[in-house]
Amino acid sequence: LHQHPELSGREFRTARVVAEKLKEYGVDEVVENFGGTT
């Protein structure tokens, strides 16, 4: 994440990585783009 920083409101890659990891780890429900944001 440090190598791929993203400015406020543009956290597209970060959000994608987070969602993928949560699903991989077995989090029961993962909601992306909550509230029309990243």
PDB file of all heavy atoms in Angstrom:
ATOM      1  N   LEU A   1       0.837  -1.207   0.000  1.00  0.00           N
ATOM      2  CA  LEU A   1       0.000   0.000   0.000  1.00  0.00           C
ATOM      3  C   LEU A   1       0.871   1.256   0.000  1.00  0.00           C
ATOM      4  O   LEU A   1       0.503   2.260  -0.627  1.00  0.00           O
ATOM      5  CB  LEU A   1      -0.924  -0.003   1.218  1.00  0.00           C
ATOM      6  CG  LEU A   1      -1.964  -1.130   1.271  1.00  0.00           C
ATOM      7  CD1 LEU A   1      -2.721  -1.082   2.602  1.00  0.00           C
ATOM      8  CD2 LEU A   1      -2.935  -1.035   0.108  1.00  0.00           C
ATOM      9  N   HIS A   2       2.004   1.187   0.678  1.00  0.00           N
ATOM     10  CA  HIS A   2       2.883   2.358   0.735  1.00  0.00           C
ATOM     11  C   HIS A   2       3.437   2.687  -0.651  1.00  0.00           C
ATOM     12  O   HIS A   2       3.629   3.865  -0.987  1.00  0.00           O
ATOM     13  CB  HIS A   2       4.045   2.110   1.711  1.00  0.00           C
ATOM     14  CG  HIS A   2       4.822   3.340   2.019  1.00  0.00           C
ATOM     15  ND1 HIS A   2       4.446   4.230   3.005  1.00  0.00           N
ATOM     16  CD2 HIS A   2       5.936   3.878   1.448  1.00  0.00           C
ATOM     17  CE1 HIS A   2       5.304   5.250   3.039  1.00  0.00           C
ATOM     18  NE2 HIS A   2       6.212   5.056   2.097  1.00  0.00           N
ATOM     19  N   GLN A   3       3.683   1.677  -1.443  1.00  0.00           N
ATOM     20  CA  GLN A   3       4.212   1.891  -2.786  1.00  0.00           C
ATOM     21  C   GLN A   3       3.159   2.415  -3.762  1.00  0.00           C
ATOM     22  O   GLN A   3       3.509   2.953  -4.811  1.00  0.00           O
ATOM     23  CB  GLN A   3       4.783   0.583  -3.340  1.00  0.00           C
ATOM     24  CG  GLN A   3       6.040   0.120  -2.644  1.00  0.00           C
ATOM     25  CD  GLN A   3       6.551  -1.185  -3.206  1.00  0.00           C
ATOM     26  OE1 GLN A   3       7.188  -1.207  -4.259  1.00  0.00           O
ATOM     27  NE2 GLN A   3       6.253  -2.277  -2.526  1.00  0.00           N
ATOM     28  N   HIS A   4       1.891   2.230  -3.398  1.00  0.00           N
ATOM     29  CA  HIS A   4       0.800   2.628  -4.295  1.00  0.00           C
ATOM     30  C   HIS A   4      -0.189   3.544  -3.566  1.00  0.00           C
ATOM     31  O   HIS A   4      -1.375   3.227  -3.433  1.00  0.00           O
ATOM     32  CB  HIS A   4       0.077   1.390  -4.829  1.00  0.00           C
ATOM     33  CG  HIS A   4       0.979   0.449  -5.568  1.00  0.00           C
ATOM     34  ND1 HIS A   4       1.636  -0.594  -4.948  1.00  0.00           N
ATOM     35  CD2 HIS A   4       1.350   0.410  -6.873  1.00  0.00           C
ATOM     36  CE1 HIS A   4       2.362  -1.256  -5.846  1.00  0.00           C
ATOM     37  NE2 HIS A   4       2.212  -0.661  -7.013  1.00  0.00           N
ATOM     38  N   PRO A   5       0.272   4.686  -3.085  1.00  0.00           N
ATOM     39  CA  PRO A   5      -0.609   5.601  -2.349  1.00  0.00           C
ATOM     40  C   PRO A   5      -1.623   6.264  -3.281  1.00  0.00           C
ATOM     41  O   PRO A   5      -1.349   6.482  -4.469  1.00  0.00           O
ATOM     42  CB  PRO A   5       0.370   6.634  -1.779  1.00  0.00           C
ATOM     43  CG  PRO A   5       1.462   6.678  -2.801  1.00  0.00           C
ATOM     44  CD  PRO A   5       1.624   5.262  -3.292  1.00  0.00           C
ATOM     45  N   GLU A   6      -2.784   6.570  -2.726  1.00  0.00           N
ATOM     46  CA  GLU A   6      -3.830   7.224  -3.515  1.00  0.00           C
ATOM     47  C   GLU A   6      -4.428   8.373  -2.714  1.00  0.00           C
ATOM     48  O   GLU A   6      -4.668   8.251  -1.508  1.00  0.00           O
ATOM     49  CB  GLU A   6      -4.924   6.214  -3.885  1.00  0.00           C
ATOM     50  CG  GLU A   6      -4.401   5.107  -4.791  1.00  0.00           C
ATOM     51  CD  GLU A   6      -5.430   4.021  -5.034  1.00  0.00           C
ATOM     52  OE1 GLU A   6      -5.846   3.374  -4.059  1.00  0.00           O
ATOM     53  OE2 GLU A   6      -5.815   3.813  -6.200  1.00  0.00           O
ATOM     54  N   LEU A   7      -4.676   9.472  -3.398  1.00  0.00           N
ATOM     55  CA  LEU A   7      -5.199  10.665  -2.745  1.00  0.00           C
ATOM     56  C   LEU A   7      -6.652  10.485  -2.321  1.00  0.00           C
ATOM     57  O   LEU A   7      -7.347   9.564  -2.773  1.00  0.00           O
ATOM     58  CB  LEU A   7      -5.074  11.863  -3.680  1.00  0.00           C
ATOM     59  CG  LEU A   7      -3.642  12.310  -3.994  1.00  0.00           C
ATOM     60  CD1 LEU A   7      -3.655  13.392  -5.069  1.00  0.00           C
ATOM     61  CD2 LEU A   7      -2.924  12.806  -2.734  1.00  0.00           C
ATOM     62  N   SER A   8      -7.112  11.377  -1.476  1.00  0.00           N
ATOM     63  CA  SER A   8      -8.471  11.331  -0.926  1.00  0.00           C
ATOM     64  C   SER A   8      -9.523  11.258  -2.024  1.00  0.00           C
ATOM     65  O   SER A   8      -9.516  12.062  -2.969  1.00  0.00           O
ATOM     66  CB  SER A   8      -8.728  12.573  -0.076  1.00  0.00           C
ATOM     67  OG  SER A   8      -7.782  12.663   0.967  1.00  0.00           O
ATOM     68  N   GLY A   9     -10.413  10.291  -1.888  1.00  0.00           N
ATOM     69  CA  GLY A   9     -11.488  10.120  -2.845  1.00  0.00           C
ATOM     70  C   GLY A   9     -11.092   9.330  -4.077  1.00  0.00           C
ATOM     71  O   GLY A   9     -11.931   9.034  -4.932  1.00  0.00           O
ATOM     72  N   ARG A  10      -9.814   8.946  -4.163  1.00  0.00           N
ATOM     73  CA  ARG A  10      -9.326   8.198  -5.329  1.00  0.00           C
ATOM     74  C   ARG A  10      -8.703   6.867  -4.912  1.00  0.00           C
ATOM     75  O   ARG A  10      -7.833   6.338  -5.594  1.00  0.00           O
ATOM     76  CB  ARG A  10      -8.293   9.026  -6.090  1.00  0.00           C
ATOM     77  CG  ARG A  10      -8.794  10.395  -6.521  1.00  0.00           C
ATOM     78  CD  ARG A  10      -7.679  11.186  -7.178  1.00  0.00           C
ATOM     79  NE  ARG A  10      -8.056  12.583  -7.398  1.00  0.00           N
ATOM     80  CZ  ARG A  10      -7.221  13.510  -7.856  1.00  0.00           C
ATOM     81  NH1 ARG A  10      -5.964  13.190  -8.150  1.00  0.00           N
ATOM     82  NH2 ARG A  10      -7.627  14.759  -8.024  1.00  0.00           N
ATOM     83  N   GLU A  11      -9.156   6.317  -3.815  1.00  0.00           N
ATOM     84  CA  GLU A  11      -8.538   5.110  -3.238  1.00  0.00           C
ATOM     85  C   GLU A  11      -9.025   3.841  -3.941  1.00  0.00           C
ATOM     86  O   GLU A  11      -9.466   2.877  -3.310  1.00  0.00           O
ATOM     87  CB  GLU A  11      -8.839   5.026  -1.731  1.00  0.00           C
ATOM     88  CG  GLU A  11      -8.479   6.275  -0.946  1.00  0.00           C
ATOM     89  CD  GLU A  11      -9.631   7.268  -0.860  1.00  0.00           C
ATOM     90  OE1 GLU A  11     -10.538   7.191  -1.701  1.00  0.00           O
ATOM     91  OE2 GLU A  11      -9.625   8.114   0.056  1.00  0.00           O
ATOM     92  N   PHE A  12      -8.965   3.821  -5.267  1.00  0.00           N
ATOM     93  CA  PHE A  12      -9.549   2.728  -6.049  1.00  0.00           C
ATOM     94  C   PHE A  12      -8.778   1.418  -5.890  1.00  0.00           C
ATOM     95  O   PHE A  12      -9.356   0.377  -5.596  1.00  0.00           O
ATOM     96  CB  PHE A  12      -9.630   3.130  -7.525  1.00  0.00           C
ATOM     97  CG  PHE A  12     -10.385   4.408  -7.764  1.00  0.00           C
ATOM     98  CD1 PHE A  12      -9.733   5.546  -8.216  1.00  0.00           C
ATOM     99  CD2 PHE A  12     -11.747   4.488  -7.500  1.00  0.00           C
ATOM    100  CE1 PHE A  12     -10.428   6.730  -8.422  1.00  0.00           C
ATOM    101  CE2 PHE A  12     -12.456   5.670  -7.695  1.00  0.00           C
ATOM    102  CZ  PHE A  12     -11.791   6.793  -8.158  1.00  0.00           C
ATOM    103  N   ARG A  13      -7.473   1.476  -6.086  1.00  0.00           N
ATOM    104  CA  ARG A  13      -6.675   0.252  -5.941  1.00  0.00           C
ATOM    105  C   ARG A  13      -6.682  -0.214  -4.493  1.00  0.00           C
ATOM    106  O   ARG A  13      -6.808  -1.416  -4.224  1.00  0.00           O
ATOM    107  CB  ARG A  13      -5.226   0.497  -6.386  1.00  0.00           C
ATOM    108  CG  ARG A  13      -4.346  -0.738  -6.249  1.00  0.00           C
ATOM    109  CD  ARG A  13      -2.878  -0.429  -6.530  1.00  0.00           C
ATOM    110  NE  ARG A  13      -2.063  -1.641  -6.462  1.00  0.00           N
ATOM    111  CZ  ARG A  13      -1.550  -2.131  -5.333  1.00  0.00           C
ATOM    112  NH1 ARG A  13      -1.784  -1.501  -4.176  1.00  0.00           N
ATOM    113  NH2 ARG A  13      -0.818  -3.227  -5.355  1.00  0.00           N
ATOM    114  N   THR A  14      -6.519   0.723  -3.576  1.00  0.00           N
ATOM    115  CA  THR A  14      -6.514   0.372  -2.152  1.00  0.00           C
ATOM    116  C   THR A  14      -7.793  -0.357  -1.765  1.00  0.00           C
ATOM    117  O   THR A  14      -7.753  -1.406  -1.117  1.00  0.00           O
ATOM    118  CB  THR A  14      -6.355   1.639  -1.286  1.00  0.00           C
ATOM    119  OG1 THR A  14      -5.189   2.345  -1.697  1.00  0.00           O
ATOM    120  CG2 THR A  14      -6.249   1.284   0.179  1.00  0.00           C
ATOM    121  N   ALA A  15      -8.927   0.187  -2.175  1.00  0.00           N
ATOM    122  CA  ALA A  15     -10.211  -0.430  -1.855  1.00  0.00           C
ATOM    123  C   ALA A  15     -10.330  -1.819  -2.468  1.00  0.00           C
ATOM    124  O   ALA A  15     -10.864  -2.748  -1.844  1.00  0.00           O
ATOM    125  CB  ALA A  15     -11.354   0.461  -2.339  1.00  0.00           C
ATOM    126  N   ARG A  16      -9.842  -1.961  -3.682  1.00  0.00           N
ATOM    127  CA  ARG A  16      -9.907  -3.264  -4.348  1.00  0.00           C
ATOM    128  C   ARG A  16      -9.065  -4.305  -3.600  1.00  0.00           C
ATOM    129  O   ARG A  16      -9.512  -5.442  -3.372  1.00  0.00           O
ATOM    130  CB  ARG A  16      -9.424  -3.148  -5.787  1.00  0.00           C
ATOM    131  CG  ARG A  16      -9.563  -4.457  -6.581  1.00  0.00           C
ATOM    132  CD  ARG A  16      -9.184  -4.288  -8.036  1.00  0.00           C
ATOM    133  NE  ARG A  16      -7.731  -4.102  -8.213  1.00  0.00           N
ATOM    134  CZ  ARG A  16      -7.153  -2.961  -8.537  1.00  0.00           C
ATOM    135  NH1 ARG A  16      -7.879  -1.867  -8.729  1.00  0.00           N
ATOM    136  NH2 ARG A  16      -5.846  -2.885  -8.679  1.00  0.00           N
ATOM    137  N   VAL A  17      -7.859  -3.904  -3.202  1.00  0.00           N
ATOM    138  CA  VAL A  17      -6.983  -4.811  -2.452  1.00  0.00           C
ATOM    139  C   VAL A  17      -7.630  -5.195  -1.130  1.00  0.00           C
ATOM    140  O   VAL A  17      -7.634  -6.365  -0.735  1.00  0.00           O
ATOM    141  CB  VAL A  17      -5.610  -4.158  -2.218  1.00  0.00           C
ATOM    142  CG1 VAL A  17      -4.772  -4.970  -1.221  1.00  0.00           C
ATOM    143  CG2 VAL A  17      -4.859  -4.020  -3.537  1.00  0.00           C
ATOM    144  N   VAL A  18      -8.179  -4.219  -0.423  1.00  0.00           N
ATOM    145  CA  VAL A  18      -8.838  -4.475   0.861  1.00  0.00           C
ATOM    146  C   VAL A  18      -9.991  -5.465   0.687  1.00  0.00           C
ATOM    147  O   VAL A  18     -10.094  -6.457   1.421  1.00  0.00           O
ATOM    148  CB  VAL A  18      -9.359  -3.160   1.480  1.00  0.00           C
ATOM    149  CG1 VAL A  18     -10.330  -3.449   2.637  1.00  0.00           C
ATOM    150  CG2 VAL A  18      -8.203  -2.305   1.967  1.00  0.00           C
ATOM    151  N   ALA A  19     -10.852  -5.223  -0.278  1.00  0.00           N
ATOM    152  CA  ALA A  19     -12.014  -6.097  -0.500  1.00  0.00           C
ATOM    153  C   ALA A  19     -11.576  -7.517  -0.842  1.00  0.00           C
ATOM    154  O   ALA A  19     -12.147  -8.497  -0.338  1.00  0.00           O
ATOM    155  CB  ALA A  19     -12.892  -5.524  -1.611  1.00  0.00           C
ATOM    156  N   GLU A  20     -10.571  -7.640  -1.669  1.00  0.00           N
ATOM    157  CA  GLU A  20     -10.075  -8.971  -2.048  1.00  0.00           C
ATOM    158  C   GLU A  20      -9.534  -9.726  -0.843  1.00  0.00           C
ATOM    159  O   GLU A  20      -9.789 -10.922  -0.679  1.00  0.00           O
ATOM    160  CB  GLU A  20      -8.992  -8.846  -3.120  1.00  0.00           C
ATOM    161  CG  GLU A  20      -9.522  -8.426  -4.487  1.00  0.00           C
ATOM    162  CD  GLU A  20      -8.416  -8.139  -5.490  1.00  0.00           C
ATOM    163  OE1 GLU A  20      -7.229  -8.181  -5.103  1.00  0.00           O
ATOM    164  OE2 GLU A  20      -8.739  -7.870  -6.671  1.00  0.00           O
ATOM    165  N   LYS A  21      -8.797  -9.029   0.002  1.00  0.00           N
ATOM    166  CA  LYS A  21      -8.237  -9.661   1.194  1.00  0.00           C
ATOM    167  C   LYS A  21      -9.334 -10.087   2.172  1.00  0.00           C
ATOM    168  O   LYS A  21      -9.293 -11.185   2.734  1.00  0.00           O
ATOM    169  CB  LYS A  21      -7.270  -8.700   1.895  1.00  0.00           C
ATOM    170  CG  LYS A  21      -5.962  -8.474   1.167  1.00  0.00           C
ATOM    171  CD  LYS A  21      -5.069  -9.690   1.241  1.00  0.00           C
ATOM    172  CE  LYS A  21      -3.708  -9.425   0.636  1.00  0.00           C
ATOM    173  NZ  LYS A  21      -2.839 -10.639   0.652  1.00  0.00           N
ATOM    174  N   LEU A  22     -10.323  -9.219   2.381  1.00  0.00           N
ATOM    175  CA  LEU A  22     -11.398  -9.558   3.311  1.00  0.00           C
ATOM    176  C   LEU A  22     -12.149 -10.795   2.843  1.00  0.00           C
ATOM    177  O   LEU A  22     -12.496 -11.676   3.647  1.00  0.00           O
ATOM    178  CB  LEU A  22     -12.368  -8.374   3.449  1.00  0.00           C
ATOM    179  CG  LEU A  22     -11.811  -7.083   4.073  1.00  0.00           C
ATOM    180  CD1 LEU A  22     -12.924  -6.054   4.236  1.00  0.00           C
ATOM    181  CD2 LEU A  22     -11.124  -7.340   5.407  1.00  0.00           C
ATOM    182  N   LYS A  23     -12.414 -10.880   1.559  1.00  0.00           N
ATOM    183  CA  LYS A  23     -13.090 -12.065   1.010  1.00  0.00           C
ATOM    184  C   LYS A  23     -12.224 -13.301   1.166  1.00  0.00           C
ATOM    185  O   LYS A  23     -12.712 -14.380   1.512  1.00  0.00           O
ATOM    186  CB  LYS A  23     -13.441 -11.823  -0.458  1.00  0.00           C
ATOM    187  CG  LYS A  23     -14.494 -10.748  -0.676  1.00  0.00           C
ATOM    188  CD  LYS A  23     -14.666 -10.416  -2.153  1.00  0.00           C
ATOM    189  CE  LYS A  23     -15.633  -9.264  -2.365  1.00  0.00           C
ATOM    190  NZ  LYS A  23     -15.748  -8.888  -3.800  1.00  0.00           N
ATOM    191  N   GLU A  24     -10.936 -13.146   0.893  1.00  0.00           N
ATOM    192  CA  GLU A  24     -10.001 -14.266   1.025  1.00  0.00           C
ATOM    193  C   GLU A  24      -9.948 -14.778   2.461  1.00  0.00           C
ATOM    194  O   GLU A  24      -9.866 -15.994   2.697  1.00  0.00           O
ATOM    195  CB  GLU A  24      -8.604 -13.806   0.593  1.00  0.00           C
ATOM    196  CG  GLU A  24      -7.510 -14.840   0.790  1.00  0.00           C
ATOM    197  CD  GLU A  24      -6.117 -14.277   0.538  1.00  0.00           C
ATOM    198  OE1 GLU A  24      -5.995 -13.226  -0.140  1.00  0.00           O
ATOM    199  OE2 GLU A  24      -5.135 -14.886   1.020  1.00  0.00           O
ATOM    200  N   TYR A  25     -10.023 -13.871   3.433  1.00  0.00           N
ATOM    201  CA  TYR A  25      -9.900 -14.251   4.833  1.00  0.00           C
ATOM    202  C   TYR A  25     -11.201 -14.790   5.430  1.00  0.00           C
ATOM    203  O   TYR A  25     -11.210 -15.259   6.559  1.00  0.00           O
ATOM    204  CB  TYR A  25      -9.426 -13.052   5.664  1.00  0.00           C
ATOM    205  CG  TYR A  25      -8.021 -12.606   5.352  1.00  0.00           C
ATOM    206  CD1 TYR A  25      -7.613 -11.305   5.638  1.00  0.00           C
ATOM    207  CD2 TYR A  25      -7.093 -13.470   4.773  1.00  0.00           C
ATOM    208  CE1 TYR A  25      -6.316 -10.883   5.366  1.00  0.00           C
ATOM    209  CE2 TYR A  25      -5.803 -13.053   4.491  1.00  0.00           C
ATOM    210  CZ  TYR A  25      -5.418 -11.759   4.786  1.00  0.00           C
ATOM    211  OH  TYR A  25      -4.142 -11.339   4.516  1.00  0.00           O
ATOM    212  N   GLY A  26     -12.295 -14.697   4.695  1.00  0.00           N
ATOM    213  CA  GLY A  26     -13.549 -15.277   5.180  1.00  0.00           C
ATOM    214  C   GLY A  26     -14.498 -14.313   5.862  1.00  0.00           C
ATOM    215  O   GLY A  26     -15.388 -14.749   6.597  1.00  0.00           O
ATOM    216  N   VAL A  27     -14.337 -13.022   5.620  1.00  0.00           N
ATOM    217  CA  VAL A  27     -15.302 -12.050   6.152  1.00  0.00           C
ATOM    218  C   VAL A  27     -16.660 -12.343   5.508  1.00  0.00           C
ATOM    219  O   VAL A  27     -16.765 -12.522   4.293  1.00  0.00           O
ATOM    220  CB  VAL A  27     -14.852 -10.604   5.860  1.00  0.00           C
ATOM    221  CG1 VAL A  27     -15.935  -9.600   6.239  1.00  0.00           C
ATOM    222  CG2 VAL A  27     -13.562 -10.302   6.611  1.00  0.00           C
ATOM    223  N   ASP A  28     -17.705 -12.418   6.316  1.00  0.00           N
ATOM    224  CA  ASP A  28     -19.000 -12.912   5.845  1.00  0.00           C
ATOM    225  C   ASP A  28     -19.668 -12.019   4.812  1.00  0.00           C
ATOM    226  O   ASP A  28     -20.297 -12.502   3.877  1.00  0.00           O
ATOM    227  CB  ASP A  28     -19.939 -13.119   7.051  1.00  0.00           C
ATOM    228  CG  ASP A  28     -19.409 -14.183   7.991  1.00  0.00           C
ATOM    229  OD1 ASP A  28     -19.509 -15.368   7.654  1.00  0.00           O
ATOM    230  OD2 ASP A  28     -18.869 -13.819   9.046  1.00  0.00           O
ATOM    231  N   GLU A  29     -19.553 -10.727   4.997  1.00  0.00           N
ATOM    232  CA  GLU A  29     -20.172  -9.787   4.051  1.00  0.00           C
ATOM    233  C   GLU A  29     -19.182  -8.666   3.750  1.00  0.00           C
ATOM    234  O   GLU A  29     -18.621  -8.071   4.668  1.00  0.00           O
ATOM    235  CB  GLU A  29     -21.453  -9.206   4.649  1.00  0.00           C
ATOM    236  CG  GLU A  29     -22.179  -8.238   3.738  1.00  0.00           C
ATOM    237  CD  GLU A  29     -23.435  -7.659   4.364  1.00  0.00           C
ATOM    238  OE1 GLU A  29     -23.811  -8.107   5.468  1.00  0.00           O
ATOM    239  OE2 GLU A  29     -24.029  -6.749   3.759  1.00  0.00           O
ATOM    240  N   VAL A  30     -18.959  -8.407   2.486  1.00  0.00           N
ATOM    241  CA  VAL A  30     -18.043  -7.340   2.081  1.00  0.00           C
ATOM    242  C   VAL A  30     -18.782  -6.431   1.104  1.00  0.00           C
ATOM    243  O   VAL A  30     -19.223  -6.870   0.042  1.00  0.00           O
ATOM    244  CB  VAL A  30     -16.773  -7.902   1.406  1.00  0.00           C
ATOM    245  CG1 VAL A  30     -15.860  -6.754   0.970  1.00  0.00           C
ATOM    246  CG2 VAL A  30     -16.030  -8.839   2.355  1.00  0.00           C
ATOM    247  N   VAL A  31     -18.938  -5.175   1.487  1.00  0.00           N
ATOM    248  CA  VAL A  31     -19.639  -4.193   0.654  1.00  0.00           C
ATOM    249  C   VAL A  31     -18.608  -3.210   0.105  1.00  0.00           C
ATOM    250  O   VAL A  31     -17.908  -2.550   0.864  1.00  0.00           O
ATOM    251  CB  VAL A  31     -20.710  -3.431   1.461  1.00  0.00           C
ATOM    252  CG1 VAL A  31     -21.402  -2.395   0.576  1.00  0.00           C
ATOM    253  CG2 VAL A  31     -21.726  -4.406   2.049  1.00  0.00           C
ATOM    254  N   GLU A  32     -18.533  -3.117  -1.198  1.00  0.00           N
ATOM    255  CA  GLU A  32     -17.625  -2.175  -1.849  1.00  0.00           C
ATOM    256  C   GLU A  32     -18.389  -0.928  -2.281  1.00  0.00           C
ATOM    257  O   GLU A  32     -19.601  -0.955  -2.471  1.00  0.00           O
ATOM    258  CB  GLU A  32     -16.964  -2.846  -3.047  1.00  0.00           C
ATOM    259  CG  GLU A  32     -16.145  -4.080  -2.662  1.00  0.00           C
ATOM    260  CD  GLU A  32     -15.566  -4.801  -3.849  1.00  0.00           C
ATOM    261  OE1 GLU A  32     -14.723  -4.200  -4.561  1.00  0.00           O
ATOM    262  OE2 GLU A  32     -15.948  -5.976  -4.080  1.00  0.00           O
ATOM    263  N   ASN A  33     -17.676   0.169  -2.435  1.00  0.00           N
ATOM    264  CA  ASN A  33     -18.272   1.446  -2.857  1.00  0.00           C
ATOM    265  C   ASN A  33     -19.435   1.853  -1.961  1.00  0.00           C
ATOM    266  O   ASN A  33     -20.458   2.351  -2.435  1.00  0.00           O
ATOM    267  CB  ASN A  33     -18.744   1.349  -4.305  1.00  0.00           C
ATOM    268  CG  ASN A  33     -17.622   0.959  -5.254  1.00  0.00           C
ATOM    269  OD1 ASN A  33     -17.686  -0.067  -5.918  1.00  0.00           O
ATOM    270  ND2 ASN A  33     -16.572   1.758  -5.303  1.00  0.00           N
ATOM    271  N   PHE A  34     -19.259   1.652  -0.654  1.00  0.00           N
ATOM    272  CA  PHE A  34     -20.334   1.983   0.283  1.00  0.00           C
ATOM    273  C   PHE A  34     -20.672   3.473   0.212  1.00  0.00           C
ATOM    274  O   PHE A  34     -19.793   4.325   0.212  1.00  0.00           O
ATOM    275  CB  PHE A  34     -19.931   1.618   1.714  1.00  0.00           C
ATOM    276  CG  PHE A  34     -21.019   1.829   2.716  1.00  0.00           C
ATOM    277  CD1 PHE A  34     -21.897   0.804   3.024  1.00  0.00           C
ATOM    278  CD2 PHE A  34     -21.184   3.059   3.341  1.00  0.00           C
ATOM    279  CE1 PHE A  34     -22.915   0.997   3.945  1.00  0.00           C
ATOM    280  CE2 PHE A  34     -22.200   3.272   4.253  1.00  0.00           C
ATOM    281  CZ  PHE A  34     -23.073   2.234   4.546  1.00  0.00           C
ATOM    282  N   GLY A  35     -21.958   3.770   0.152  1.00  0.00           N
ATOM    283  CA  GLY A  35     -22.415   5.159   0.138  1.00  0.00           C
ATOM    284  C   GLY A  35     -21.964   5.944  -1.072  1.00  0.00           C
ATOM    285  O   GLY A  35     -21.875   7.164  -1.019  1.00  0.00           O
ATOM    286  N   GLY A  36     -21.658   5.230  -2.172  1.00  0.00           N
ATOM    287  CA  GLY A  36     -21.213   5.913  -3.372  1.00  0.00           C
ATOM    288  C   GLY A  36     -19.784   6.424  -3.287  1.00  0.00           C
ATOM    289  O   GLY A  36     -19.376   7.286  -4.066  1.00  0.00           O
ATOM    290  N   THR A  37     -19.011   5.890  -2.339  1.00  0.00           N
ATOM    291  CA  THR A  37     -17.613   6.280  -2.157  1.00  0.00           C
ATOM    292  C   THR A  37     -16.715   5.069  -2.431  1.00  0.00           C
ATOM    293  O   THR A  37     -17.196   4.005  -2.810  1.00  0.00           O
ATOM    294  CB  THR A  37     -17.360   6.779  -0.727  1.00  0.00           C
ATOM    295  OG1 THR A  37     -17.375   5.648   0.172  1.00  0.00           O
ATOM    296  CG2 THR A  37     -18.423   7.778  -0.295  1.00  0.00           C
ATOM    297  N   THR A  38     -15.433   5.220  -2.188  1.00  0.00           N
ATOM    298  CA  THR A  38     -14.518   4.087  -2.318  1.00  0.00           C
ATOM    299  C   THR A  38     -14.443   3.261  -1.031  1.00  0.00           C
ATOM    300  O   THR A  38     -13.614   2.351  -0.927  1.00  0.00           O
ATOM    301  CB  THR A  38     -13.107   4.572  -2.679  1.00  0.00           C
ATOM    302  OG1 THR A  38     -12.699   5.565  -1.740  1.00  0.00           O
ATOM    303  CG2 THR A  38     -13.073   5.155  -4.083  1.00  0.00           C
TER     304      THR A  38
END
